[in-house]
Protein backbone atom coordinates (compact mmCIF):
# COMPACT_ATOMS: atom_id res chain seq x y z
CA MET A 1 39.14 34.51 -7.22
CA THR A 2 42.49 34.37 -5.42
CA MET A 3 45.54 36.38 -6.37
CA MET A 4 47.19 33.16 -7.62
CA ASP A 5 44.23 32.40 -9.94
CA ARG A 6 44.23 35.97 -11.29
CA ASP A 7 47.96 35.87 -11.96
CA ALA A 8 47.68 32.53 -13.76
CA ARG A 9 44.82 33.79 -15.90
CA GLU A 10 46.63 36.99 -16.76
CA GLU A 11 49.73 34.99 -17.74
CA ARG A 12 47.65 32.75 -20.06
CA ARG A 13 46.05 35.81 -21.62
CA ARG A 14 49.44 37.44 -22.14
CA VAL A 15 50.98 34.35 -23.76
CA GLN A 16 47.98 33.73 -26.00
CA ALA A 17 47.74 37.39 -27.01
CA GLU A 18 51.45 37.45 -27.85
CA GLY A 19 51.14 34.29 -29.94
CA ALA A 20 48.11 35.63 -31.79
CA ARG A 21 49.91 38.95 -32.43
CA ARG A 22 52.97 37.26 -33.93
CA LEU A 23 50.78 35.04 -36.11
CA THR A 24 48.71 37.99 -37.33
CA GLU A 25 51.72 40.22 -37.99
CA SER A 26 53.42 37.47 -40.00
CA GLY A 27 50.70 37.82 -42.64
CA VAL A 28 50.25 34.06 -43.10
CA LEU A 29 46.59 34.32 -42.13
CA ASP A 30 45.71 37.32 -44.30
CA ASP A 31 44.37 35.25 -47.20
CA LEU A 32 42.40 33.05 -44.82
CA PHE A 33 40.86 36.06 -43.08
CA ASP A 34 39.90 37.56 -46.46
CA LYS A 35 38.14 34.33 -47.45
CA ILE A 36 36.33 34.14 -44.11
CA ASP A 37 35.20 37.78 -44.47
CA ALA A 38 34.04 37.09 -48.03
CA GLY A 39 32.03 34.07 -46.90
CA GLU A 40 34.16 31.66 -48.90
CA VAL A 41 35.29 29.72 -45.81
CA GLU A 42 33.04 28.46 -43.01
CA LEU A 43 34.52 27.73 -39.61
CA GLY A 44 32.14 24.95 -38.57
CA GLY A 45 29.89 22.39 -40.22
CA SER A 46 30.75 19.81 -42.85
CA ASP A 47 33.69 20.96 -45.01
CA GLY A 48 34.28 23.79 -42.54
CA LEU A 49 37.71 25.08 -41.57
CA ILE A 50 37.86 23.06 -38.36
CA GLN A 51 37.15 19.81 -40.19
CA GLN A 52 39.68 20.69 -42.88
CA LEU A 53 42.36 21.39 -40.27
CA ILE A 54 41.71 18.00 -38.66
CA LYS A 55 41.77 16.30 -42.08
CA THR A 56 45.00 18.03 -43.09
CA GLY A 57 46.69 17.30 -39.79
CA LEU A 58 45.74 13.62 -39.83
CA GLU A 59 46.76 13.11 -43.46
CA ARG A 60 50.13 14.80 -42.89
CA GLY A 61 50.65 12.60 -39.84
CA LEU A 62 49.78 9.47 -41.84
CA GLN A 63 52.21 10.47 -44.61
CA ALA A 64 54.93 10.97 -41.98
CA GLU A 65 54.20 7.51 -40.53
CA LEU A 66 54.47 5.95 -44.00
CA SER A 67 57.76 7.78 -44.70
CA ASP A 68 59.16 6.43 -41.46
CA HIS A 69 57.98 2.94 -42.38
CA LEU A 70 59.47 3.06 -45.90
CA GLY A 71 62.69 4.78 -44.88
CA TYR A 72 62.46 7.69 -47.32
CA GLU A 73 60.48 10.87 -47.85
CA LYS A 74 57.96 11.31 -50.63
CA GLY A 75 59.71 12.52 -53.82
CA ASP A 76 63.13 11.28 -52.68
CA ALA A 77 65.32 10.55 -55.76
CA GLU A 78 66.66 7.40 -54.09
CA ALA A 79 63.20 5.90 -53.58
CA VAL A 80 63.87 3.26 -56.26
CA LEU A 81 66.66 1.83 -54.11
CA HIS A 82 64.21 0.82 -51.39
CA PRO A 83 62.40 -2.55 -51.58
CA ASN A 84 59.01 -1.10 -50.68
CA SER A 85 57.28 1.99 -52.07
CA ARG A 86 54.14 4.11 -51.91
CA ASN A 87 51.04 2.78 -53.60
CA GLY A 88 48.51 5.62 -53.63
CA SER A 89 45.81 5.84 -50.97
CA TYR A 90 42.34 4.68 -50.08
CA ALA A 91 39.36 6.65 -48.80
CA LYS A 92 38.23 6.30 -45.21
CA THR A 93 35.58 8.12 -43.18
CA VAL A 94 36.22 8.62 -39.46
CA ALA A 95 33.86 10.17 -36.95
CA SER A 96 35.22 12.92 -34.73
CA GLN A 97 33.97 15.48 -32.22
CA ALA A 98 33.84 17.95 -35.12
CA GLY A 99 31.83 15.62 -37.40
CA ASP A 100 32.71 13.07 -40.07
CA ILE A 101 36.17 13.45 -41.62
CA GLU A 102 36.96 12.07 -45.11
CA LEU A 103 40.57 10.88 -45.15
CA ALA A 104 42.95 9.70 -47.87
CA VAL A 105 44.95 7.01 -46.05
CA PRO A 106 48.26 6.23 -47.78
CA ARG A 107 49.34 2.64 -48.40
CA ASP A 108 52.49 0.82 -49.45
CA ARG A 109 53.01 -1.70 -52.22
CA ASP A 110 53.67 -4.79 -50.11
CA GLY A 111 50.86 -4.02 -47.63
CA SER A 112 53.05 -4.01 -44.52
CA PHE A 113 52.20 -0.44 -43.43
CA THR A 114 49.97 -0.31 -40.32
CA PRO A 115 48.90 3.25 -39.39
CA ARG A 116 49.00 4.14 -35.70
CA LEU A 117 47.40 7.57 -35.92
CA VAL A 118 44.20 6.13 -37.44
CA PRO A 119 44.41 2.37 -36.79
CA VAL A 120 43.08 -0.16 -39.29
CA GLY A 121 39.44 -0.93 -38.52
CA SER A 122 38.98 2.23 -36.46
CA ARG A 123 36.11 4.44 -37.60
CA ARG A 124 36.22 6.95 -34.77
CA LEU A 125 38.80 9.27 -33.29
CA GLY A 126 39.48 8.62 -29.60
CA GLY A 127 37.78 11.70 -28.18
CA LEU A 128 34.42 10.67 -29.62
CA ASP A 129 34.37 7.40 -27.68
CA ASP A 130 35.06 9.33 -24.47
CA MET A 131 32.20 11.70 -25.29
CA ILE A 132 29.77 8.81 -25.83
CA VAL A 133 30.72 7.11 -22.55
CA SER A 134 30.40 10.43 -20.70
CA LEU A 135 26.93 11.07 -22.16
CA TYR A 136 25.87 7.54 -21.19
CA ALA A 137 27.19 7.97 -17.64
CA GLY A 138 25.25 11.23 -17.39
CA GLY A 139 21.98 9.36 -17.91
CA MET A 140 21.36 9.60 -21.66
CA THR A 141 20.01 6.48 -23.35
CA LEU A 142 21.72 5.00 -26.42
CA ARG A 143 18.97 6.39 -28.68
CA ASP A 144 19.37 9.82 -27.07
CA ILE A 145 23.12 9.73 -27.73
CA GLU A 146 22.57 8.70 -31.35
CA HIS A 147 20.24 11.66 -31.88
CA HIS A 148 22.49 14.05 -29.92
CA LEU A 149 25.54 13.31 -32.10
CA VAL A 150 23.59 13.87 -35.32
CA THR A 151 22.04 17.15 -34.20
CA THR A 152 25.11 18.67 -32.55
CA ILE A 153 28.15 17.60 -34.59
CA GLY A 154 26.53 15.99 -37.63
CA THR A 155 28.04 12.55 -37.03
CA GLU A 156 25.82 9.57 -37.66
CA ILE A 157 26.79 6.61 -35.50
CA SER A 158 24.43 3.67 -35.38
CA TYR A 159 22.73 2.47 -32.24
CA GLU A 160 24.65 -0.80 -32.51
CA THR A 161 28.02 1.00 -32.68
CA ILE A 162 27.20 3.20 -29.69
CA SER A 163 26.14 0.08 -27.80
CA LYS A 164 29.48 -1.58 -28.59
CA ILE A 165 31.41 1.49 -27.40
CA VAL A 166 29.58 1.43 -24.08
CA ASP A 167 29.94 -2.35 -23.80
CA GLU A 168 33.72 -2.05 -24.10
CA ILE A 169 33.86 -0.82 -20.51
CA SER A 170 32.10 -3.96 -19.22
CA GLU A 171 35.47 -5.58 -18.60
CA GLU A 172 36.52 -2.62 -16.44
CA VAL A 173 33.30 -2.94 -14.43
CA LEU A 174 33.90 -6.66 -13.94
CA THR A 175 37.47 -6.01 -12.80
CA TRP A 176 36.24 -3.39 -10.33
CA GLN A 177 33.50 -5.67 -8.99
CA ARG A 178 36.05 -8.47 -8.44
CA ARG A 179 38.94 -6.39 -7.06
CA PRO A 180 40.52 -7.49 -3.76
CA LEU A 181 39.24 -5.77 -0.62
CA GLU A 182 40.70 -4.97 2.80
CA ALA A 183 40.71 -7.76 5.37
CA PHE A 184 38.81 -5.71 7.93
CA TYR A 185 36.09 -3.05 7.75
CA PRO A 186 34.79 -1.59 11.03
CA VAL A 187 31.52 -0.52 9.37
CA ILE A 188 29.69 -1.49 6.19
CA TYR A 189 26.54 0.31 4.99
CA LEU A 190 24.06 -1.32 2.65
CA ASP A 191 21.20 0.36 0.84
CA ALA A 192 19.34 -0.05 -2.44
CA ILE A 193 17.55 1.73 -5.26
CA VAL A 194 14.74 0.15 -7.28
CA VAL A 195 15.19 -0.15 -11.06
CA LYS A 196 13.11 -1.71 -13.82
CA ILE A 197 14.80 -4.63 -15.59
CA ARG A 198 13.57 -6.90 -18.34
CA ASP A 199 13.32 -10.45 -17.05
CA GLY A 200 12.30 -12.88 -19.76
CA GLY A 201 9.18 -11.48 -21.39
CA HIS A 202 8.34 -9.13 -18.53
CA VAL A 203 9.71 -5.95 -16.99
CA ARG A 204 9.81 -6.02 -13.21
CA ASN A 205 11.23 -4.02 -10.35
CA LYS A 206 14.51 -5.20 -8.88
CA ALA A 207 16.64 -3.81 -6.08
CA ALA A 208 20.18 -2.68 -6.93
CA HIS A 209 22.05 -3.00 -3.62
CA ILE A 210 25.14 -0.86 -3.05
CA ALA A 211 27.60 -1.65 -0.26
CA VAL A 212 29.92 1.01 1.16
CA GLY A 213 32.69 0.05 3.56
CA VAL A 214 34.53 2.30 6.02
CA ASP A 215 38.19 1.29 6.35
CA MET A 216 40.45 1.75 9.37
CA ASP A 217 41.33 5.29 8.26
CA GLY A 218 37.65 6.25 8.12
CA VAL A 219 37.68 6.41 4.31
CA LYS A 220 34.54 5.20 2.55
CA HIS A 221 34.74 2.88 -0.47
CA VAL A 222 32.02 1.44 -2.71
CA LEU A 223 32.61 -2.30 -2.30
CA GLY A 224 30.23 -3.50 -4.98
CA ILE A 225 26.83 -3.39 -6.64
CA TRP A 226 24.48 -6.38 -6.68
CA ILE A 227 21.11 -6.86 -8.36
CA GLN A 228 18.79 -8.94 -6.21
CA ALA A 229 17.85 -11.86 -8.45
CA THR A 230 16.28 -14.03 -5.74
CA GLU A 231 14.55 -13.29 -2.48
CA GLY A 232 16.00 -13.81 0.98
CA ALA A 233 18.86 -15.76 2.42
CA LYS A 234 20.12 -17.46 -0.76
CA PHE A 235 20.91 -14.16 -2.47
CA TRP A 236 22.55 -12.62 0.60
CA ALA A 237 24.59 -15.74 1.22
CA SER A 238 26.08 -15.38 -2.26
CA VAL A 239 26.86 -11.67 -1.68
CA CYS A 240 28.57 -12.36 1.66
CA ALA A 241 30.50 -15.26 0.13
CA GLU A 242 31.72 -12.99 -2.67
CA LEU A 243 32.89 -10.33 -0.21
CA ALA A 244 34.66 -12.97 1.88
CA ASN A 245 36.32 -14.44 -1.23
CA ARG A 246 37.55 -10.96 -2.15
CA GLY A 247 39.41 -10.72 1.13
CA ILE A 248 37.10 -9.47 3.89
CA LYS A 249 37.80 -11.54 6.99
CA ASP A 250 35.87 -9.55 9.57
CA VAL A 251 33.30 -6.77 9.88
CA LEU A 252 32.31 -5.13 13.15
CA ILE A 253 28.96 -3.58 12.27
CA VAL A 254 26.72 -3.77 9.19
CA CYS A 255 24.07 -1.06 8.92
CA CYS A 256 21.13 -1.79 6.62
CA ASP A 257 17.37 -1.49 6.30
CA GLY A 258 15.73 -4.72 7.55
CA LEU A 259 16.49 -7.10 4.67
CA THR A 260 15.00 -10.58 4.78
CA GLY A 261 17.70 -13.19 5.21
CA PHE A 262 20.53 -10.67 5.40
CA PRO A 263 21.30 -10.84 9.16
CA GLU A 264 21.50 -14.64 8.97
CA ALA A 265 23.87 -14.49 5.99
CA ILE A 266 26.10 -11.95 7.77
CA GLU A 267 26.26 -13.99 10.94
CA ALA A 268 27.00 -17.17 8.98
CA THR A 269 29.92 -15.47 7.20
CA TRP A 270 31.26 -13.27 10.02
CA PRO A 271 29.80 -14.77 13.24
CA ASP A 272 30.87 -11.90 15.51
CA SER A 273 29.39 -9.11 13.39
CA LEU A 274 26.53 -6.91 14.56
CA VAL A 275 23.67 -6.12 12.17
CA GLN A 276 22.18 -2.69 12.87
CA THR A 277 18.85 -1.62 11.40
CA CYS A 278 19.04 1.90 9.97
CA VAL A 279 17.25 4.03 12.57
CA VAL A 280 16.22 6.65 10.01
CA HIS A 281 14.56 3.96 7.88
CA LEU A 282 12.87 2.57 10.96
CA ILE A 283 11.47 5.98 11.91
CA ARG A 284 10.15 6.47 8.37
CA THR A 285 8.48 3.05 8.49
CA SER A 286 6.93 3.77 11.86
CA MET A 287 5.56 7.12 10.61
CA ARG A 288 4.11 5.72 7.39
CA PHE A 289 0.48 5.55 8.59
CA VAL A 290 0.53 8.45 11.03
CA ASN A 291 -2.07 11.13 10.41
CA TRP A 292 -0.52 14.28 8.99
CA GLY A 293 -1.77 16.39 11.89
CA GLN A 294 -0.06 14.08 14.41
CA ARG A 295 3.26 13.53 12.61
CA LYS A 296 5.15 16.29 14.41
CA ALA A 297 3.94 15.15 17.83
CA VAL A 298 4.69 11.47 17.10
CA ALA A 299 8.18 12.29 15.81
CA ALA A 300 8.92 14.17 19.05
CA ALA A 301 7.50 11.33 21.16
CA LEU A 302 9.78 8.77 19.43
CA LYS A 303 13.00 10.62 20.26
CA PRO A 304 13.28 9.24 23.82
CA ILE A 305 13.27 5.73 22.31
CA TYR A 306 16.18 6.06 19.85
CA GLN A 307 18.06 8.59 21.98
CA ALA A 308 17.85 6.48 25.14
CA ALA A 309 20.95 5.80 27.23
CA ASP A 310 20.63 2.03 26.80
CA ALA A 311 18.29 -0.71 25.58
CA GLU A 312 16.38 -0.90 28.90
CA ALA A 313 15.66 2.83 28.87
CA ALA A 314 14.60 2.55 25.22
CA LYS A 315 12.20 -0.27 26.08
CA ALA A 316 10.68 1.77 28.89
CA ALA A 317 10.27 4.75 26.53
CA LEU A 318 8.56 2.54 23.91
CA GLU A 319 6.14 1.14 26.52
CA ALA A 320 5.37 4.66 27.69
CA PHE A 321 4.66 5.74 24.12
CA ALA A 322 2.47 2.67 23.49
CA ALA A 323 0.37 3.52 26.57
CA SER A 324 -0.03 7.19 25.59
CA PRO A 325 -2.92 8.53 23.49
CA LEU A 326 -0.55 8.92 20.51
CA GLY A 327 0.55 5.29 20.84
CA THR A 328 -2.97 3.88 21.09
CA THR A 329 -3.98 5.94 18.05
CA ASN A 330 -0.97 4.71 16.04
CA PRO A 331 -0.46 1.00 16.79
CA HIS A 332 1.53 0.56 13.56
CA THR A 333 4.22 2.87 14.93
CA VAL A 334 4.60 0.74 18.05
CA ALA A 335 4.58 -2.48 16.01
CA ALA A 336 7.32 -1.19 13.70
CA PHE A 337 9.71 -0.74 16.63
CA GLU A 338 8.72 -4.02 18.30
CA ASN A 339 9.26 -6.02 15.08
CA ALA A 340 12.71 -4.48 14.54
CA TRP A 341 13.74 -4.41 18.20
CA GLU A 342 16.46 -7.07 18.06
CA ARG A 343 18.22 -5.28 15.16
CA PHE A 344 17.40 -1.77 16.40
CA THR A 345 19.04 -1.94 19.84
CA PRO A 346 22.74 -2.79 19.09
CA PHE A 347 23.73 0.86 18.52
CA LEU A 348 22.33 1.80 21.94
CA GLY A 349 25.25 -0.06 23.52
CA PHE A 350 27.78 2.41 22.07
CA PRO A 351 28.83 5.95 23.06
CA PRO A 352 27.53 8.94 21.07
CA ALA A 353 30.50 9.15 18.65
CA VAL A 354 29.93 5.57 17.46
CA ARG A 355 26.15 5.99 17.37
CA ARG A 356 26.49 8.86 14.90
CA VAL A 357 28.49 6.60 12.58
CA ILE A 358 26.30 3.49 12.61
CA TYR A 359 22.72 4.55 13.24
CA THR A 360 21.84 5.40 9.63
CA THR A 361 22.70 4.62 6.00
CA ASN A 362 22.22 8.27 5.02
CA SER A 363 25.74 8.38 3.56
CA ILE A 364 24.56 5.94 0.89
CA GLU A 365 21.19 7.63 0.50
CA SER A 366 22.87 10.80 -0.76
CA LEU A 367 24.62 8.65 -3.36
CA ASN A 368 21.38 6.91 -4.28
CA TYR A 369 19.67 10.27 -4.73
CA GLN A 370 22.23 11.18 -7.39
CA LEU A 371 21.97 7.76 -9.03
CA ARG A 372 18.19 8.02 -9.31
CA LYS A 373 18.68 11.15 -11.43
CA VAL A 374 20.63 9.00 -13.88
CA THR A 375 18.33 5.97 -13.93
CA LYS A 376 15.02 7.86 -14.15
CA ASN A 377 15.55 8.62 -17.87
CA ARG A 378 15.31 4.92 -18.73
CA GLY A 379 12.07 3.04 -19.01
CA HIS A 380 13.86 -0.19 -18.17
CA PHE A 381 17.21 -1.95 -18.51
CA PRO A 382 17.77 -4.97 -20.78
CA ASN A 383 19.54 -7.01 -18.08
CA ASP A 384 21.19 -6.90 -14.64
CA ALA A 385 24.68 -6.25 -16.05
CA ALA A 386 23.47 -3.06 -17.78
CA VAL A 387 22.33 -1.67 -14.41
CA VAL A 388 25.65 -2.41 -12.68
CA LYS A 389 27.55 -0.85 -15.59
CA LEU A 390 25.52 2.37 -15.59
CA LEU A 391 25.64 2.78 -11.80
CA TRP A 392 29.42 2.25 -11.78
CA LEU A 393 29.89 4.75 -14.60
CA ALA A 394 27.59 7.25 -12.88
CA ILE A 395 29.55 7.03 -9.61
CA CYS A 396 32.84 7.61 -11.48
CA ASN A 397 31.30 10.47 -13.46
CA ILE A 398 29.87 12.21 -10.38
CA GLU A 399 33.15 11.93 -8.44
CA ASP A 400 35.17 13.21 -11.44
CA LYS A 401 32.84 16.18 -11.89
CA ARG A 402 33.08 17.12 -8.22
CA ALA A 403 36.85 16.74 -8.28
CA ARG A 404 37.09 19.18 -11.21
CA GLU A 405 34.92 21.70 -9.37
CA ARG A 406 37.12 21.45 -6.28
CA ALA A 407 40.27 21.81 -8.40
CA ARG A 408 38.97 25.10 -9.83
CA GLU A 409 38.57 26.48 -6.30
CA ARG A 410 41.93 25.28 -5.03
CA GLY A 411 43.76 28.08 -3.25
CA LYS A 412 40.63 29.98 -2.26
CA PRO A 413 39.79 30.62 1.40
CA ALA A 414 37.48 27.97 2.86
CA SER A 415 34.70 30.54 3.29
CA GLU A 416 34.64 31.16 -0.49
CA ARG A 417 34.61 27.53 -1.63
CA LYS A 418 31.28 26.29 -2.93
CA ALA A 419 32.32 23.09 -4.71
CA PRO A 420 30.70 19.94 -3.29
CA PRO A 421 32.84 17.43 -1.36
CA LYS A 422 33.39 13.83 -2.42
CA LEU A 423 30.04 12.10 -2.71
CA ILE A 424 31.05 8.71 -1.30
CA GLU A 425 34.23 7.18 -2.76
CA GLY A 426 37.19 8.44 -0.74
CA GLN A 427 35.03 10.52 1.62
CA ILE A 428 36.25 10.72 5.24
CA THR A 429 33.74 9.69 7.92
CA THR A 430 32.96 12.58 10.28
CA ASN A 431 34.62 12.34 13.73
CA TRP A 432 36.12 9.00 12.76
CA LYS A 433 39.14 9.14 15.09
CA GLN A 434 36.90 9.53 18.13
CA ALA A 435 34.58 6.75 16.96
CA LEU A 436 37.50 4.41 16.22
CA ALA A 437 38.95 5.01 19.69
CA GLN A 438 35.66 4.00 21.28
CA LEU A 439 35.33 0.96 19.02
CA ALA A 440 38.86 -0.08 19.99
CA ILE A 441 37.79 -0.02 23.67
CA ALA A 442 34.66 -2.09 22.91
CA PHE A 443 36.41 -4.57 20.54
CA PRO A 444 40.14 -4.55 21.42
CA ASP A 445 40.85 -8.09 20.21
CA ARG A 446 39.33 -7.43 16.77
CA ILE A 447 40.57 -3.89 16.09
CA ASN A 448 44.07 -3.84 17.59
CA PRO A 449 45.57 -6.30 15.04
CA TYR A 450 44.69 -3.83 12.26
CA LEU A 451 45.84 -0.61 13.98
């Protein structure tokens, strides 16, 4: 803890201790303390002190709102001179983070009073909705949330109501998915996680594809989330058309894992773009059927291929591997590289700084790892929109949590900070300035207009 943190904490302790001392010495809490000691007043639970404080505060606020609406205070001798007047109250139950609160909501005679503190039709205080959305974003199902609220704060909220609360953010998700994008992204990464979604009368696996773009400043942004409804070129054509309609006019390099129909869709939308197969995915594919005892030797033998100076040297290294005893024993490894050769070799034409940026989609894989923690609690999703909504919420929730952890360590020396960096949104690409300089040399006509 830094000196600044210690001073701030000590100041908070001093102020709070002074406030508590003045309140205790005033004697106003003596009767309350006596009742608590005697067991006549409970702090928590239904009818506990906390609930009563919330009830009293809300009802006083509602009475103040009504007085402001009528133009006179309750008990005012001149009340009869005003055209409108008080007309008793009606009972209303509202759910809160402390449990259900029974309120007496005042009303006026002509029915023109509209409370703002507890709006008409509202059955929950604002903080509870935020809690439900946060629990959902953390991976809890709607049934889990329903049970959690009952067991922890004693508030019974139906499954349907919880579903409606979560559905209220669908408009925000739609706005995010349709937001305008930059005209130019030097690099876009694309990767997917598999989720189970109900489709008609069956539950089947679908791929939720997440695109991350790197802007001219090297900052990463999640561009969108798409559920693959159809196979091949038709689906990818619609995704590329959407990105183009949202403002993307050009992309230098798209890094992905060999998706059927995707390279053709990219080239049809942005003809000058390069599609780069993720080298890490390719290595995993090539190692899939390698005997465990040979994996280390095969992995070492593949390095000259993907670390070659250029495509010709890589081809020579692949032929040498294919002719070796390891290559003849593992023909699938050789075939994996040969089948992906056209999409594997583009990154070999760049210097090392650019290669490090475009050779793998690992930056998305770290995001997908966190998202799988959220989706694994669900047997399946009711529809595609539910998947997009949860993944968007989860990304926001993860980034907010990490931001809070970093804020707590602000001011500490770098060697003492343990909070994780940004996961993906807003993260700076490593050595971006050097990579951008080399890309500007390779593609001056396409990059210079955006510098």
